[in-house]
Amino acid sequence: MYRFALRPPAIRLALVFAAGCFLSGCASFESAPLGVGGAPVTRSIKDDAADASPPPLSKAQPKAPPKRMRIVARPASGPDLPTCEGGSDCATLLKSLVESPNRSWVGQPQSPADHATGTRLFAYRALRDRLSCPELSTARSEIEAASAAFKAPVGGISATQAKRVLALNAAVNDELRAEQRRRCGG
């Protein structure tokens, strides 16, 4: 009977060869373009996505207008109140509102565009358990006034954005109301 026995160096060589084939993947079957000096040009998945172009629109389909991603806030009524234009500006503003030691911004007039960013609403939500009873009452009054303003068309704010603002107003107002009942009795 013939007995086939692999010696340890042969096993190591076979494992190295198998690992090399495994690591090379499909790249060994595809010819890579050559760059400067004859070196192969490496590509990533992102490069393939960048090369893909969207299908051409037919003439019967009008091009959809781009979606507006940010709300640009207008200056507020008070000279000391900061505003934000979205993204990191609003995150910075939110942090400063939450960390404000005196919370003088509570109840200060705010433009509908500033209110639509939601920064002050998220500050109220974050400070809910630290607001005094009068601050809770003032915050709720401010949210209710803003809700009344957003039930009518607001310049610079789409109907969809207004609907989202109204939903956030209702959620934060409910949270503040529950906190007010729990701590202030009413």
C-alpha atoms as a PDB file:
ATOM      1  CA  MET A   1       0.000   0.000   0.000  1.00  0.00           C
ATOM      2  CA  TYR A   2       1.310   3.395  -1.014  1.00  0.00           C
ATOM      3  CA  ARG A   3       1.391   5.847   1.802  1.00  0.00           C
ATOM      4  CA  PHE A   4       1.528   9.572   1.027  1.00  0.00           C
ATOM      5  CA  ALA A   5       3.200  11.530   3.776  1.00  0.00           C
ATOM      6  CA  LEU A   6       3.815  15.250   3.785  1.00  0.00           C
ATOM      7  CA  ARG A   7       6.839  16.486   5.491  1.00  0.00           C
ATOM      8  CA  PRO A   8       6.646  19.634   7.684  1.00  0.00           C
ATOM      9  CA  PRO A   9       8.405  21.923   5.159  1.00  0.00           C
ATOM     10  CA  ALA A  10       5.925  20.839   2.500  1.00  0.00           C
ATOM     11  CA  ILE A  11       3.014  21.586   4.823  1.00  0.00           C
ATOM     12  CA  ARG A  12       4.396  25.019   5.586  1.00  0.00           C
ATOM     13  CA  LEU A  13       4.872  25.740   1.900  1.00  0.00           C
ATOM     14  CA  ALA A  14       1.324  24.599   1.113  1.00  0.00           C
ATOM     15  CA  LEU A  15      -0.102  26.793   3.900  1.00  0.00           C
ATOM     16  CA  VAL A  16       1.867  29.820   2.723  1.00  0.00           C
ATOM     17  CA  PHE A  17       0.679  29.239  -0.842  1.00  0.00           C
ATOM     18  CA  ALA A  18      -2.960  28.839   0.285  1.00  0.00           C
ATOM     19  CA  ALA A  19      -2.766  31.978   2.425  1.00  0.00           C
ATOM     20  CA  GLY A  20      -1.285  33.924  -0.477  1.00  0.00           C
ATOM     21  CA  CYS A  21      -4.074  32.772  -2.785  1.00  0.00           C
ATOM     22  CA  PHE A  22      -6.681  33.634  -0.161  1.00  0.00           C
ATOM     23  CA  LEU A  23      -5.257  37.103   0.499  1.00  0.00           C
ATOM     24  CA  SER A  24      -4.888  37.941  -3.180  1.00  0.00           C
ATOM     25  CA  GLY A  25      -8.609  37.350  -3.716  1.00  0.00           C
ATOM     26  CA  CYS A  26     -10.068  38.344  -7.018  1.00  0.00           C
ATOM     27  CA  ALA A  27      -7.297  40.829  -7.660  1.00  0.00           C
ATOM     28  CA  SER A  28      -5.179  38.140  -9.267  1.00  0.00           C
ATOM     29  CA  PHE A  29      -7.797  37.626 -11.986  1.00  0.00           C
ATOM     30  CA  GLU A  30      -8.077  41.284 -12.946  1.00  0.00           C
ATOM     31  CA  SER A  31      -5.397  43.265 -14.701  1.00  0.00           C
ATOM     32  CA  ALA A  32      -4.583  46.457 -12.835  1.00  0.00           C
ATOM     33  CA  PRO A  33      -3.893  49.670 -14.742  1.00  0.00           C
ATOM     34  CA  LEU A  34      -0.318  50.829 -14.608  1.00  0.00           C
ATOM     35  CA  GLY A  35       0.652  54.214 -13.241  1.00  0.00           C
ATOM     36  CA  VAL A  36       3.908  56.135 -13.098  1.00  0.00           C
ATOM     37  CA  GLY A  37       6.977  53.937 -13.517  1.00  0.00           C
ATOM     38  CA  GLY A  38       4.910  50.873 -14.371  1.00  0.00           C
ATOM     39  CA  ALA A  39       3.620  50.452 -10.804  1.00  0.00           C
ATOM     40  CA  PRO A  40       0.020  49.252 -10.561  1.00  0.00           C
ATOM     41  CA  VAL A  41      -2.546  51.871  -9.605  1.00  0.00           C
ATOM     42  CA  THR A  42      -4.536  50.919  -6.536  1.00  0.00           C
ATOM     43  CA  ARG A  43      -8.233  51.734  -6.330  1.00  0.00           C
ATOM     44  CA  SER A  44     -10.826  51.590  -3.612  1.00  0.00           C
ATOM     45  CA  ILE A  45     -14.555  50.987  -3.520  1.00  0.00           C
ATOM     46  CA  LYS A  46     -15.044  54.748  -3.210  1.00  0.00           C
ATOM     47  CA  ASP A  47     -13.319  55.218  -6.563  1.00  0.00           C
ATOM     48  CA  ASP A  48     -15.842  52.925  -8.228  1.00  0.00           C
ATOM     49  CA  ALA A  49     -18.728  54.898  -6.713  1.00  0.00           C
ATOM     50  CA  ALA A  50     -17.211  58.157  -7.933  1.00  0.00           C
ATOM     51  CA  ASP A  51     -16.923  56.775 -11.462  1.00  0.00           C
ATOM     52  CA  ALA A  52     -20.580  55.791 -11.567  1.00  0.00           C
ATOM     53  CA  SER A  53     -22.704  58.493 -13.053  1.00  0.00           C
ATOM     54  CA  PRO A  54     -26.437  58.781 -12.459  1.00  0.00           C
ATOM     55  CA  PRO A  55     -28.657  57.657 -15.303  1.00  0.00           C
ATOM     56  CA  PRO A  56     -29.633  60.486 -17.620  1.00  0.00           C
ATOM     57  CA  LEU A  57     -33.034  62.022 -17.003  1.00  0.00           C
ATOM     58  CA  SER A  58     -35.554  61.646 -19.748  1.00  0.00           C
ATOM     59  CA  LYS A  59     -36.911  64.854 -21.185  1.00  0.00           C
ATOM     60  CA  ALA A  60     -40.381  64.051 -19.859  1.00  0.00           C
ATOM     61  CA  GLN A  61     -39.164  64.079 -16.222  1.00  0.00           C
ATOM     62  CA  PRO A  62     -38.320  67.510 -14.829  1.00  0.00           C
ATOM     63  CA  LYS A  63     -35.319  67.669 -12.571  1.00  0.00           C
ATOM     64  CA  ALA A  64     -36.423  67.771  -8.924  1.00  0.00           C
ATOM     65  CA  PRO A  65     -35.304  70.826  -6.955  1.00  0.00           C
ATOM     66  CA  PRO A  66     -32.559  70.090  -4.417  1.00  0.00           C
ATOM     67  CA  LYS A  67     -33.710  69.506  -0.871  1.00  0.00           C
ATOM     68  CA  ARG A  68     -32.921  72.227   1.597  1.00  0.00           C
ATOM     69  CA  MET A  69     -30.886  70.613   4.328  1.00  0.00           C
ATOM     70  CA  ARG A  70     -30.197  73.485   6.710  1.00  0.00           C
ATOM     71  CA  ILE A  71     -32.345  76.146   8.256  1.00  0.00           C
ATOM     72  CA  VAL A  72     -30.601  79.478   8.300  1.00  0.00           C
ATOM     73  CA  ALA A  73     -31.465  81.349  11.455  1.00  0.00           C
ATOM     74  CA  ARG A  74     -32.181  85.057  11.360  1.00  0.00           C
ATOM     75  CA  PRO A  75     -31.009  87.422  14.085  1.00  0.00           C
ATOM     76  CA  ALA A  76     -33.093  87.226  17.250  1.00  0.00           C
ATOM     77  CA  SER A  77     -34.777  90.196  18.878  1.00  0.00           C
ATOM     78  CA  GLY A  78     -32.331  90.565  21.731  1.00  0.00           C
ATOM     79  CA  PRO A  79     -28.775  91.769  21.095  1.00  0.00           C
ATOM     80  CA  ASP A  80     -27.256  89.173  23.435  1.00  0.00           C
ATOM     81  CA  LEU A  81     -28.932  86.103  21.952  1.00  0.00           C
ATOM     82  CA  PRO A  82     -26.719  84.016  19.657  1.00  0.00           C
ATOM     83  CA  THR A  83     -28.099  82.250  16.602  1.00  0.00           C
ATOM     84  CA  CYS A  84     -26.963  79.252  14.586  1.00  0.00           C
ATOM     85  CA  GLU A  85     -26.985  78.239  10.949  1.00  0.00           C
ATOM     86  CA  GLY A  86     -27.193  74.478  11.458  1.00  0.00           C
ATOM     87  CA  GLY A  87     -24.784  71.639  12.102  1.00  0.00           C
ATOM     88  CA  SER A  88     -21.860  72.393  14.394  1.00  0.00           C
ATOM     89  CA  ASP A  89     -23.036  75.991  14.962  1.00  0.00           C
ATOM     90  CA  CYS A  90     -26.233  74.703  16.551  1.00  0.00           C
ATOM     91  CA  ALA A  91     -24.345  72.086  18.565  1.00  0.00           C
ATOM     92  CA  THR A  92     -22.082  74.802  19.952  1.00  0.00           C
ATOM     93  CA  LEU A  93     -25.077  77.006  20.722  1.00  0.00           C
ATOM     94  CA  LEU A  94     -26.867  74.109  22.436  1.00  0.00           C
ATOM     95  CA  LYS A  95     -23.821  73.462  24.600  1.00  0.00           C
ATOM     96  CA  SER A  96     -23.610  77.116  25.611  1.00  0.00           C
ATOM     97  CA  LEU A  97     -27.339  77.247  26.438  1.00  0.00           C
ATOM     98  CA  VAL A  98     -27.142  74.118  28.589  1.00  0.00           C
ATOM     99  CA  GLU A  99     -23.980  75.288  30.367  1.00  0.00           C
ATOM    100  CA  SER A 100     -25.267  78.852  30.917  1.00  0.00           C
ATOM    101  CA  PRO A 101     -25.198  79.450  34.690  1.00  0.00           C
ATOM    102  CA  ASN A 102     -28.021  82.016  34.813  1.00  0.00           C
ATOM    103  CA  ARG A 103     -30.212  80.795  31.897  1.00  0.00           C
ATOM    104  CA  SER A 104     -31.079  84.370  30.935  1.00  0.00           C
ATOM    105  CA  TRP A 105     -32.092  83.084  27.485  1.00  0.00           C
ATOM    106  CA  VAL A 106     -35.219  81.378  28.886  1.00  0.00           C
ATOM    107  CA  GLY A 107     -38.258  83.322  27.708  1.00  0.00           C
ATOM    108  CA  GLN A 108     -36.301  85.712  25.470  1.00  0.00           C
ATOM    109  CA  PRO A 109     -37.969  86.439  22.107  1.00  0.00           C
ATOM    110  CA  GLN A 110     -36.836  84.219  19.272  1.00  0.00           C
ATOM    111  CA  SER A 111     -37.536  84.400  15.539  1.00  0.00           C
ATOM    112  CA  PRO A 112     -39.469  81.512  13.935  1.00  0.00           C
ATOM    113  CA  ALA A 113     -36.352  80.535  11.953  1.00  0.00           C
ATOM    114  CA  ASP A 114     -34.294  80.351  15.146  1.00  0.00           C
ATOM    115  CA  HIS A 115     -37.005  78.313  16.836  1.00  0.00           C
ATOM    116  CA  ALA A 116     -37.161  75.981  13.827  1.00  0.00           C
ATOM    117  CA  THR A 117     -33.548  74.900  14.397  1.00  0.00           C
ATOM    118  CA  GLY A 118     -34.782  73.189  17.575  1.00  0.00           C
ATOM    119  CA  THR A 119     -31.719  74.247  19.552  1.00  0.00           C
ATOM    120  CA  ARG A 120     -33.658  75.892  22.350  1.00  0.00           C
ATOM    121  CA  LEU A 121     -36.124  72.990  22.484  1.00  0.00           C
ATOM    122  CA  PHE A 122     -33.283  70.514  22.957  1.00  0.00           C
ATOM    123  CA  ALA A 123     -31.792  72.789  25.622  1.00  0.00           C
ATOM    124  CA  TYR A 124     -35.121  72.749  27.480  1.00  0.00           C
ATOM    125  CA  ARG A 125     -35.200  68.979  27.150  1.00  0.00           C
ATOM    126  CA  ALA A 126     -31.641  68.656  28.509  1.00  0.00           C
ATOM    127  CA  LEU A 127     -32.300  71.053  31.394  1.00  0.00           C
ATOM    128  CA  ARG A 128     -35.782  69.769  32.218  1.00  0.00           C
ATOM    129  CA  ASP A 129     -34.871  68.511  35.699  1.00  0.00           C
ATOM    130  CA  ARG A 130     -32.751  71.594  36.527  1.00  0.00           C
ATOM    131  CA  LEU A 131     -35.171  74.346  35.472  1.00  0.00           C
ATOM    132  CA  SER A 132     -36.938  76.185  38.283  1.00  0.00           C
ATOM    133  CA  CYS A 133     -40.735  76.158  38.436  1.00  0.00           C
ATOM    134  CA  PRO A 134     -40.980  79.701  36.959  1.00  0.00           C
ATOM    135  CA  GLU A 135     -38.527  78.719  34.195  1.00  0.00           C
ATOM    136  CA  LEU A 136     -40.603  75.637  33.376  1.00  0.00           C
ATOM    137  CA  SER A 137     -43.717  77.807  33.124  1.00  0.00           C
ATOM    138  CA  THR A 138     -41.933  80.382  30.942  1.00  0.00           C
ATOM    139  CA  ALA A 139     -40.501  77.678  28.690  1.00  0.00           C
ATOM    140  CA  ARG A 140     -43.927  76.115  28.195  1.00  0.00           C
ATOM    141  CA  SER A 141     -45.453  79.511  27.378  1.00  0.00           C
ATOM    142  CA  GLU A 142     -42.697  80.144  24.830  1.00  0.00           C
ATOM    143  CA  ILE A 143     -43.246  76.737  23.203  1.00  0.00           C
ATOM    144  CA  GLU A 144     -47.021  77.266  23.038  1.00  0.00           C
ATOM    145  CA  ALA A 145     -46.542  80.701  21.417  1.00  0.00           C
ATOM    146  CA  ALA A 146     -44.151  79.214  18.865  1.00  0.00           C
ATOM    147  CA  SER A 147     -46.623  76.413  18.131  1.00  0.00           C
ATOM    148  CA  ALA A 148     -49.322  78.985  17.417  1.00  0.00           C
ATOM    149  CA  ALA A 149     -46.941  80.796  15.038  1.00  0.00           C
ATOM    150  CA  PHE A 150     -46.097  77.574  13.153  1.00  0.00           C
ATOM    151  CA  LYS A 151     -49.731  76.641  12.556  1.00  0.00           C
ATOM    152  CA  ALA A 152     -49.814  79.416   9.921  1.00  0.00           C
ATOM    153  CA  PRO A 153     -47.294  79.577   7.037  1.00  0.00           C
ATOM    154  CA  VAL A 154     -43.942  80.947   8.169  1.00  0.00           C
ATOM    155  CA  GLY A 155     -41.608  82.638   5.677  1.00  0.00           C
ATOM    156  CA  GLY A 156     -38.497  80.593   4.917  1.00  0.00           C
ATOM    157  CA  ILE A 157     -39.891  77.450   6.557  1.00  0.00           C
ATOM    158  CA  SER A 158     -41.441  74.705   4.444  1.00  0.00           C
ATOM    159  CA  ALA A 159     -44.683  73.007   5.462  1.00  0.00           C
ATOM    160  CA  THR A 160     -42.746  69.804   6.193  1.00  0.00           C
ATOM    161  CA  GLN A 161     -40.288  71.620   8.438  1.00  0.00           C
ATOM    162  CA  ALA A 162     -43.148  73.384  10.222  1.00  0.00           C
ATOM    163  CA  LYS A 163     -44.811  70.024  10.819  1.00  0.00           C
ATOM    164  CA  ARG A 164     -41.608  68.660  12.356  1.00  0.00           C
ATOM    165  CA  VAL A 165     -41.223  71.739  14.544  1.00  0.00           C
ATOM    166  CA  LEU A 166     -44.815  71.366  15.761  1.00  0.00           C
ATOM    167  CA  ALA A 167     -44.202  67.697  16.618  1.00  0.00           C
ATOM    168  CA  LEU A 168     -41.017  68.547  18.536  1.00  0.00           C
ATOM    169  CA  ASN A 169     -42.821  71.422  20.292  1.00  0.00           C
ATOM    170  CA  ALA A 170     -45.571  69.057  21.424  1.00  0.00           C
ATOM    171  CA  ALA A 171     -43.096  66.432  22.677  1.00  0.00           C
ATOM    172  CA  VAL A 172     -40.946  68.901  24.630  1.00  0.00           C
ATOM    173  CA  ASN A 173     -44.017  70.707  26.007  1.00  0.00           C
ATOM    174  CA  ASP A 174     -45.396  67.367  27.266  1.00  0.00           C
ATOM    175  CA  GLU A 175     -42.067  66.568  28.943  1.00  0.00           C
ATOM    176  CA  LEU A 176     -41.917  69.994  30.593  1.00  0.00           C
ATOM    177  CA  ARG A 177     -45.549  69.711  31.694  1.00  0.00           C
ATOM    178  CA  ALA A 178     -44.850  66.346  33.335  1.00  0.00           C
ATOM    179  CA  GLU A 179     -41.783  67.767  35.095  1.00  0.00           C
ATOM    180  CA  GLN A 180     -43.773  70.800  36.222  1.00  0.00           C
ATOM    181  CA  ARG A 181     -46.534  68.582  37.662  1.00  0.00           C
ATOM    182  CA  ARG A 182     -43.993  66.367  39.393  1.00  0.00           C
ATOM    183  CA  ARG A 183     -42.019  69.159  41.066  1.00  0.00           C
ATOM    184  CA  CYS A 184     -44.217  72.244  41.077  1.00  0.00           C
ATOM    185  CA  GLY A 185     -47.639  70.725  41.655  1.00  0.00           C
ATOM    186  CA  GLY A 186     -49.580  72.076  38.785  1.00  0.00           C
END
